[in-house]
Amino acid sequence: RIGQDVTVITPAEKFSCLDSSNYTVQPGNRGDMAALFSELRKYKKVPNSILHLWSTKPSEAIGLRKGTEEQEMDYGFYSILQLVQVLSEDMPAFPVEVIVVTNGAQSVTGNEALRPYRSAVQGLCRIIPQELDRMRCRTIDIQLSNQTGSQEAVAEQLLTEINVSTSEPVVALRQNGRWVQVFEPVVIDEPNPPDQYLREQGVYLITGGFGKIGLLLSRYLAQSVGARLILIGR
């Protein structure tokens, strides 16, 4: 509607190319993800923005049996991980942004029905930009209901969010509110003097004692408490 060239990837039992703008892949199948990007490269359609929406629907709506956490992870965590791994094998010269949309992954109001396995993507999305300097990743958590017009309103709010340049990696959309995660400094009181855990001239056995860490610990113990040392190696 706003003139973007969109390629749609739908969950299914296996990889298939319906046309140059529509594909299916099996969630959690790395081979399917590799085949997908092979096709996208062939058509010169590797995206600069990827919107991941597979962690938004109820489990039953995407063909999952209730309680199958492994499938929940395939649709969310593992599909994102495999997408990034395959993309990084032949990383395009331009920056790529991955926007992961979840439902029930963040507790904001305290009234959400949380899905812990969807929360797993939060840590993954923090790590991706640290591993790949041309890849940016952010998460947007939404709240859906069955009320008339609710999903359309969320879709409009989501469309606005993804088209705004922002440095905030974690966002939650609730009704008409936009919540962001912030960190505040905490002043910690001076600790009490620690108990003496090391015994003067005590006997200490160090496994792997001839490695770098073992020798470093041995030197410290010998210098600080005059320890008698037993070093064990292979």
C-alpha atoms as a PDB file:
ATOM      1  CA  ARG A   1       0.000   0.000   0.000  1.00  0.00           C
ATOM      2  CA  ILE A   2       2.872   2.396   0.681  1.00  0.00           C
ATOM      3  CA  GLY A   3       4.946   1.238  -2.279  1.00  0.00           C
ATOM      4  CA  GLN A   4       7.267  -1.272  -0.617  1.00  0.00           C
ATOM      5  CA  ASP A   5       8.464  -4.352  -2.518  1.00  0.00           C
ATOM      6  CA  VAL A   6       7.363  -7.166  -0.188  1.00  0.00           C
ATOM      7  CA  THR A   7       8.321 -10.839  -0.286  1.00  0.00           C
ATOM      8  CA  VAL A   8       6.093 -13.059   1.864  1.00  0.00           C
ATOM      9  CA  ILE A   9       7.416 -16.192   3.584  1.00  0.00           C
ATOM     10  CA  THR A  10       4.698 -18.484   4.988  1.00  0.00           C
ATOM     11  CA  PRO A  11       5.161 -21.439   7.376  1.00  0.00           C
ATOM     12  CA  ALA A  12       4.418 -24.796   5.742  1.00  0.00           C
ATOM     13  CA  GLU A  13       5.520 -28.434   5.686  1.00  0.00           C
ATOM     14  CA  LYS A  14       8.349 -27.848   3.205  1.00  0.00           C
ATOM     15  CA  PHE A  15      10.124 -25.253   1.091  1.00  0.00           C
ATOM     16  CA  SER A  16       8.411 -24.144  -2.093  1.00  0.00           C
ATOM     17  CA  CYS A  17       8.621 -21.204  -4.454  1.00  0.00           C
ATOM     18  CA  LEU A  18       5.100 -20.122  -5.353  1.00  0.00           C
ATOM     19  CA  ASP A  19       6.400 -17.153  -7.349  1.00  0.00           C
ATOM     20  CA  SER A  20       9.250 -14.639  -7.028  1.00  0.00           C
ATOM     21  CA  SER A  21       7.455 -12.870  -4.161  1.00  0.00           C
ATOM     22  CA  ASN A  22       5.870 -15.791  -2.284  1.00  0.00           C
ATOM     23  CA  TYR A  23       7.612 -18.733  -0.631  1.00  0.00           C
ATOM     24  CA  THR A  24       6.948 -21.348   2.019  1.00  0.00           C
ATOM     25  CA  VAL A  25       9.461 -22.873   4.451  1.00  0.00           C
ATOM     26  CA  GLN A  26       9.266 -25.363   7.277  1.00  0.00           C
ATOM     27  CA  PRO A  27      10.013 -23.567  10.570  1.00  0.00           C
ATOM     28  CA  GLY A  28      13.159 -24.888  12.205  1.00  0.00           C
ATOM     29  CA  ASN A  29      14.455 -26.467   8.982  1.00  0.00           C
ATOM     30  CA  ARG A  30      17.819 -24.890   8.190  1.00  0.00           C
ATOM     31  CA  GLY A  31      17.888 -26.492   4.721  1.00  0.00           C
ATOM     32  CA  ASP A  32      14.626 -24.746   3.831  1.00  0.00           C
ATOM     33  CA  MET A  33      16.033 -21.417   5.012  1.00  0.00           C
ATOM     34  CA  ALA A  34      19.173 -21.934   2.904  1.00  0.00           C
ATOM     35  CA  ALA A  35      17.032 -22.784  -0.141  1.00  0.00           C
ATOM     36  CA  LEU A  36      14.959 -19.645   0.435  1.00  0.00           C
ATOM     37  CA  PHE A  37      17.952 -17.315   0.443  1.00  0.00           C
ATOM     38  CA  SER A  38      19.411 -19.086  -2.562  1.00  0.00           C
ATOM     39  CA  GLU A  39      16.225 -18.201  -4.461  1.00  0.00           C
ATOM     40  CA  LEU A  40      16.220 -14.625  -3.131  1.00  0.00           C
ATOM     41  CA  ARG A  41      19.795 -14.131  -4.295  1.00  0.00           C
ATOM     42  CA  LYS A  42      18.912 -15.575  -7.688  1.00  0.00           C
ATOM     43  CA  TYR A  43      16.158 -12.981  -8.113  1.00  0.00           C
ATOM     44  CA  LYS A  44      18.346 -10.263  -6.503  1.00  0.00           C
ATOM     45  CA  LYS A  45      15.727  -9.840  -3.786  1.00  0.00           C
ATOM     46  CA  VAL A  46      17.801 -10.184  -0.614  1.00  0.00           C
ATOM     47  CA  PRO A  47      15.950  -7.766   1.696  1.00  0.00           C
ATOM     48  CA  ASN A  48      17.364  -4.845   3.627  1.00  0.00           C
ATOM     49  CA  SER A  49      14.504  -5.158   6.136  1.00  0.00           C
ATOM     50  CA  ILE A  50      13.074  -8.413   7.499  1.00  0.00           C
ATOM     51  CA  LEU A  51       9.838  -8.407   9.487  1.00  0.00           C
ATOM     52  CA  HIS A  52       9.476 -11.626  11.490  1.00  0.00           C
ATOM     53  CA  LEU A  53       5.842 -12.233  12.540  1.00  0.00           C
ATOM     54  CA  TRP A  54       5.779 -15.945  13.345  1.00  0.00           C
ATOM     55  CA  SER A  55       5.674 -15.369  17.113  1.00  0.00           C
ATOM     56  CA  THR A  56       2.437 -13.384  17.139  1.00  0.00           C
ATOM     57  CA  LYS A  57      -0.381 -15.856  16.518  1.00  0.00           C
ATOM     58  CA  PRO A  58      -1.888 -18.305  19.036  1.00  0.00           C
ATOM     59  CA  SER A  59      -0.308 -21.754  18.801  1.00  0.00           C
ATOM     60  CA  GLU A  60      -3.475 -23.324  17.379  1.00  0.00           C
ATOM     61  CA  ALA A  61      -3.643 -20.692  14.621  1.00  0.00           C
ATOM     62  CA  ILE A  62      -0.293 -21.748  13.192  1.00  0.00           C
ATOM     63  CA  GLY A  63      -0.949 -25.463  13.348  1.00  0.00           C
ATOM     64  CA  LEU A  64       0.815 -26.141  16.632  1.00  0.00           C
ATOM     65  CA  ARG A  65      -0.444 -28.715  19.071  1.00  0.00           C
ATOM     66  CA  LYS A  66      -1.059 -27.177  22.461  1.00  0.00           C
ATOM     67  CA  GLY A  67       1.914 -27.594  24.753  1.00  0.00           C
ATOM     68  CA  THR A  68       4.481 -28.322  22.021  1.00  0.00           C
ATOM     69  CA  GLU A  69       7.163 -25.930  23.202  1.00  0.00           C
ATOM     70  CA  GLU A  70       9.689 -27.295  20.688  1.00  0.00           C
ATOM     71  CA  GLN A  71       7.476 -26.179  17.810  1.00  0.00           C
ATOM     72  CA  GLU A  72       7.011 -22.791  19.495  1.00  0.00           C
ATOM     73  CA  MET A  73      10.822 -22.483  19.507  1.00  0.00           C
ATOM     74  CA  ASP A  74      11.023 -23.545  15.846  1.00  0.00           C
ATOM     75  CA  TYR A  75       8.615 -20.787  14.828  1.00  0.00           C
ATOM     76  CA  GLY A  76      10.424 -18.200  16.941  1.00  0.00           C
ATOM     77  CA  PHE A  77      13.956 -18.598  18.272  1.00  0.00           C
ATOM     78  CA  TYR A  78      15.313 -21.181  15.837  1.00  0.00           C
ATOM     79  CA  SER A  79      13.784 -19.694  12.702  1.00  0.00           C
ATOM     80  CA  ILE A  80      15.401 -16.331  13.539  1.00  0.00           C
ATOM     81  CA  LEU A  81      18.724 -17.969  14.390  1.00  0.00           C
ATOM     82  CA  GLN A  82      18.778 -19.953  11.143  1.00  0.00           C
ATOM     83  CA  LEU A  83      17.697 -16.931   9.110  1.00  0.00           C
ATOM     84  CA  VAL A  84      20.598 -14.892  10.478  1.00  0.00           C
ATOM     85  CA  GLN A  85      23.101 -17.739  10.103  1.00  0.00           C
ATOM     86  CA  VAL A  86      22.187 -18.347   6.451  1.00  0.00           C
ATOM     87  CA  LEU A  87      22.134 -14.631   5.643  1.00  0.00           C
ATOM     88  CA  SER A  88      25.548 -14.086   7.263  1.00  0.00           C
ATOM     89  CA  GLU A  89      27.170 -16.766   5.086  1.00  0.00           C
ATOM     90  CA  ASP A  90      26.898 -14.385   2.131  1.00  0.00           C
ATOM     91  CA  MET A  91      26.207 -11.077   3.820  1.00  0.00           C
ATOM     92  CA  PRO A  92      25.055  -8.332   1.450  1.00  0.00           C
ATOM     93  CA  ALA A  93      27.072  -5.133   1.227  1.00  0.00           C
ATOM     94  CA  PHE A  94      24.158  -3.076   2.591  1.00  0.00           C
ATOM     95  CA  PRO A  95      22.928  -3.046   6.224  1.00  0.00           C
ATOM     96  CA  VAL A  96      20.066  -5.416   7.080  1.00  0.00           C
ATOM     97  CA  GLU A  97      17.506  -4.800   9.822  1.00  0.00           C
ATOM     98  CA  VAL A  98      15.624  -7.698  11.432  1.00  0.00           C
ATOM     99  CA  ILE A  99      12.431  -6.647  13.228  1.00  0.00           C
ATOM    100  CA  VAL A 100      10.978  -9.413  15.385  1.00  0.00           C
ATOM    101  CA  VAL A 101       7.345  -8.972  16.415  1.00  0.00           C
ATOM    102  CA  THR A 102       6.073 -11.037  19.341  1.00  0.00           C
ATOM    103  CA  ASN A 103       2.830 -11.434  21.240  1.00  0.00           C
ATOM    104  CA  GLY A 104       3.011 -12.276  24.933  1.00  0.00           C
ATOM    105  CA  ALA A 105       6.783 -12.006  25.300  1.00  0.00           C
ATOM    106  CA  GLN A 106       6.955  -8.881  27.503  1.00  0.00           C
ATOM    107  CA  SER A 107       5.279  -8.062  30.810  1.00  0.00           C
ATOM    108  CA  VAL A 108       4.350  -4.369  30.823  1.00  0.00           C
ATOM    109  CA  THR A 109       0.940  -3.974  32.449  1.00  0.00           C
ATOM    110  CA  GLY A 110       1.053  -7.225  34.407  1.00  0.00           C
ATOM    111  CA  ASN A 111      -2.133  -8.463  32.737  1.00  0.00           C
ATOM    112  CA  GLU A 112      -0.576 -10.077  29.682  1.00  0.00           C
ATOM    113  CA  ALA A 113      -0.853 -13.794  28.975  1.00  0.00           C
ATOM    114  CA  LEU A 114       2.863 -14.481  28.733  1.00  0.00           C
ATOM    115  CA  ARG A 115       4.492 -17.112  26.533  1.00  0.00           C
ATOM    116  CA  PRO A 116       7.976 -17.753  27.960  1.00  0.00           C
ATOM    117  CA  TYR A 117       9.250 -19.546  24.863  1.00  0.00           C
ATOM    118  CA  ARG A 118       8.612 -16.418  22.832  1.00  0.00           C
ATOM    119  CA  SER A 119      10.616 -14.380  25.317  1.00  0.00           C
ATOM    120  CA  ALA A 120      13.679 -16.404  24.291  1.00  0.00           C
ATOM    121  CA  VAL A 121      14.038 -14.274  21.160  1.00  0.00           C
ATOM    122  CA  GLN A 122      14.882 -11.221  23.288  1.00  0.00           C
ATOM    123  CA  GLY A 123      18.348 -12.470  24.180  1.00  0.00           C
ATOM    124  CA  LEU A 124      19.003 -13.627  20.624  1.00  0.00           C
ATOM    125  CA  CYS A 125      18.105 -10.231  19.201  1.00  0.00           C
ATOM    126  CA  ARG A 126      20.517  -8.520  21.595  1.00  0.00           C
ATOM    127  CA  ILE A 127      23.396 -10.735  20.466  1.00  0.00           C
ATOM    128  CA  ILE A 128      22.883 -10.556  16.686  1.00  0.00           C
ATOM    129  CA  PRO A 129      24.130  -6.944  16.222  1.00  0.00           C
ATOM    130  CA  GLN A 130      27.158  -7.717  18.406  1.00  0.00           C
ATOM    131  CA  GLU A 131      28.132 -10.630  16.170  1.00  0.00           C
ATOM    132  CA  LEU A 132      27.342  -9.039  12.796  1.00  0.00           C
ATOM    133  CA  ASP A 133      28.238  -5.383  12.388  1.00  0.00           C
ATOM    134  CA  ARG A 134      26.010  -4.830   9.323  1.00  0.00           C
ATOM    135  CA  MET A 135      22.939  -6.322  10.944  1.00  0.00           C
ATOM    136  CA  ARG A 136      20.574  -4.510  13.272  1.00  0.00           C
ATOM    137  CA  CYS A 137      17.862  -6.224  15.313  1.00  0.00           C
ATOM    138  CA  ARG A 138      14.945  -4.941  17.380  1.00  0.00           C
ATOM    139  CA  THR A 139      11.885  -6.505  18.986  1.00  0.00           C
ATOM    140  CA  ILE A 140       8.328  -5.198  19.173  1.00  0.00           C
ATOM    141  CA  ASP A 141       5.862  -6.894  21.501  1.00  0.00           C
ATOM    142  CA  ILE A 142       2.172  -6.401  20.717  1.00  0.00           C
ATOM    143  CA  GLN A 143      -1.068  -7.346  22.446  1.00  0.00           C
ATOM    144  CA  LEU A 144      -3.899  -8.839  20.415  1.00  0.00           C
ATOM    145  CA  SER A 145      -7.573  -9.302  21.233  1.00  0.00           C
ATOM    146  CA  ASN A 146     -10.651 -10.599  19.424  1.00  0.00           C
ATOM    147  CA  GLN A 147     -12.448  -7.259  19.561  1.00  0.00           C
ATOM    148  CA  THR A 148     -13.665  -5.865  16.246  1.00  0.00           C
ATOM    149  CA  GLY A 149     -11.088  -3.566  14.737  1.00  0.00           C
ATOM    150  CA  SER A 150      -8.454  -4.370  17.345  1.00  0.00           C
ATOM    151  CA  GLN A 151      -6.099  -6.250  15.017  1.00  0.00           C
ATOM    152  CA  GLU A 152      -6.406  -3.557  12.345  1.00  0.00           C
ATOM    153  CA  ALA A 153      -5.521  -0.901  14.928  1.00  0.00           C
ATOM    154  CA  VAL A 154      -2.503  -2.910  16.084  1.00  0.00           C
ATOM    155  CA  ALA A 155      -1.419  -3.389  12.468  1.00  0.00           C
ATOM    156  CA  GLU A 156      -1.531   0.371  11.858  1.00  0.00           C
ATOM    157  CA  GLN A 157       0.402   1.026  15.057  1.00  0.00           C
ATOM    158  CA  LEU A 158       2.949  -1.610  14.081  1.00  0.00           C
ATOM    159  CA  LEU A 159       3.321  -0.184  10.581  1.00  0.00           C
ATOM    160  CA  THR A 160       4.079   3.222  12.056  1.00  0.00           C
ATOM    161  CA  GLU A 161       6.633   1.720  14.444  1.00  0.00           C
ATOM    162  CA  ILE A 162       8.594  -0.243  11.857  1.00  0.00           C
ATOM    163  CA  ASN A 163       8.834   2.745   9.505  1.00  0.00           C
ATOM    164  CA  VAL A 164      10.318   5.028  12.150  1.00  0.00           C
ATOM    165  CA  SER A 165      14.073   5.078  12.543  1.00  0.00           C
ATOM    166  CA  THR A 166      14.791   4.368  16.201  1.00  0.00           C
ATOM    167  CA  SER A 167      17.750   3.263  18.295  1.00  0.00           C
ATOM    168  CA  GLU A 168      15.547   1.504  20.871  1.00  0.00           C
ATOM    169  CA  PRO A 169      16.022  -2.272  20.543  1.00  0.00           C
ATOM    170  CA  VAL A 170      13.061  -3.295  22.746  1.00  0.00           C
ATOM    171  CA  VAL A 171       9.570  -1.785  22.330  1.00  0.00           C
ATOM    172  CA  ALA A 172       6.148  -2.889  23.586  1.00  0.00           C
ATOM    173  CA  LEU A 173       2.889  -1.582  22.108  1.00  0.00           C
ATOM    174  CA  ARG A 174      -0.120  -1.594  24.459  1.00  0.00           C
ATOM    175  CA  GLN A 175      -3.420  -0.057  23.296  1.00  0.00           C
ATOM    176  CA  ASN A 176      -2.447   3.525  22.458  1.00  0.00           C
ATOM    177  CA  GLY A 177       0.791   3.435  24.452  1.00  0.00           C
ATOM    178  CA  ARG A 178       4.358   2.811  23.378  1.00  0.00           C
ATOM    179  CA  TRP A 179       6.673   1.409  26.043  1.00  0.00           C
ATOM    180  CA  VAL A 180      10.459   1.246  25.825  1.00  0.00           C
ATOM    181  CA  GLN A 181      12.963  -0.511  28.029  1.00  0.00           C
ATOM    182  CA  VAL A 182      15.375   1.683  29.979  1.00  0.00           C
ATOM    183  CA  PHE A 183      18.069   1.040  32.558  1.00  0.00           C
ATOM    184  CA  GLU A 184      18.695   3.239  35.577  1.00  0.00           C
ATOM    185  CA  PRO A 185      21.918   3.324  37.612  1.00  0.00           C
ATOM    186  CA  VAL A 186      21.749   1.862  41.100  1.00  0.00           C
ATOM    187  CA  VAL A 187      24.031   2.947  43.948  1.00  0.00           C
ATOM    188  CA  ILE A 188      25.284  -0.069  45.887  1.00  0.00           C
ATOM    189  CA  ASP A 189      26.342   0.339  49.496  1.00  0.00           C
ATOM    190  CA  GLU A 190      29.917  -0.418  50.465  1.00  0.00           C
ATOM    191  CA  PRO A 191      30.157  -4.153  51.137  1.00  0.00           C
ATOM    192  CA  ASN A 192      31.209  -5.516  54.473  1.00  0.00           C
ATOM    193  CA  PRO A 193      34.760  -6.893  54.593  1.00  0.00           C
ATOM    194  CA  PRO A 194      34.660 -10.346  53.038  1.00  0.00           C
ATOM    195  CA  ASP A 195      35.171 -13.429  55.130  1.00  0.00           C
ATOM    196  CA  GLN A 196      38.568 -15.061  54.842  1.00  0.00           C
ATOM    197  CA  TYR A 197      37.923 -18.039  52.605  1.00  0.00           C
ATOM    198  CA  LEU A 198      41.567 -18.993  52.037  1.00  0.00           C
ATOM    199  CA  ARG A 199      43.486 -20.677  54.840  1.00  0.00           C
ATOM    200  CA  GLU A 200      47.079 -19.733  55.622  1.00  0.00           C
ATOM    201  CA  GLN A 201      49.420 -22.533  54.511  1.00  0.00           C
ATOM    202  CA  GLY A 202      46.407 -24.622  53.578  1.00  0.00           C
ATOM    203  CA  VAL A 203      46.650 -27.533  51.187  1.00  0.00           C
ATOM    204  CA  TYR A 204      44.981 -26.898  47.811  1.00  0.00           C
ATOM    205  CA  LEU A 205      44.502 -29.414  45.013  1.00  0.00           C
ATOM    206  CA  ILE A 206      44.113 -27.879  41.542  1.00  0.00           C
ATOM    207  CA  THR A 207      42.952 -30.063  38.669  1.00  0.00           C
ATOM    208  CA  GLY A 208      44.308 -28.961  35.325  1.00  0.00           C
ATOM    209  CA  GLY A 209      47.043 -27.295  37.347  1.00  0.00           C
ATOM    210  CA  PHE A 210      49.558 -27.081  34.489  1.00  0.00           C
ATOM    211  CA  GLY A 211      47.331 -24.991  32.251  1.00  0.00           C
ATOM    212  CA  LYS A 212      47.461 -21.204  32.144  1.00  0.00           C
ATOM    213  CA  ILE A 213      44.534 -20.731  34.544  1.00  0.00           C
ATOM    214  CA  GLY A 214      45.796 -23.448  36.892  1.00  0.00           C
ATOM    215  CA  LEU A 215      49.269 -21.909  37.090  1.00  0.00           C
ATOM    216  CA  LEU A 216      47.811 -18.446  37.606  1.00  0.00           C
ATOM    217  CA  LEU A 217      45.692 -19.666  40.528  1.00  0.00           C
ATOM    218  CA  SER A 218      48.653 -21.554  41.972  1.00  0.00           C
ATOM    219  CA  ARG A 219      50.851 -18.479  41.873  1.00  0.00           C
ATOM    220  CA  TYR A 220      48.170 -16.424  43.585  1.00  0.00           C
ATOM    221  CA  LEU A 221      47.631 -18.983  46.350  1.00  0.00           C
ATOM    222  CA  ALA A 222      51.352 -19.368  46.940  1.00  0.00           C
ATOM    223  CA  GLN A 223      51.919 -15.620  47.181  1.00  0.00           C
ATOM    224  CA  SER A 224      48.796 -14.683  49.176  1.00  0.00           C
ATOM    225  CA  VAL A 225      48.518 -17.461  51.788  1.00  0.00           C
ATOM    226  CA  GLY A 226      51.711 -19.526  51.368  1.00  0.00           C
ATOM    227  CA  ALA A 227      49.624 -22.440  50.190  1.00  0.00           C
ATOM    228  CA  ARG A 228      50.906 -25.993  49.801  1.00  0.00           C
ATOM    229  CA  LEU A 229      49.855 -26.982  46.307  1.00  0.00           C
ATOM    230  CA  ILE A 230      49.029 -30.252  44.550  1.00  0.00           C
ATOM    231  CA  LEU A 231      48.777 -29.777  40.790  1.00  0.00           C
ATOM    232  CA  ILE A 232      47.152 -32.529  38.720  1.00  0.00           C
ATOM    233  CA  GLY A 233      47.396 -32.799  34.952  1.00  0.00           C
ATOM    234  CA  ARG A 234      46.733 -35.447  32.367  1.00  0.00           C
END
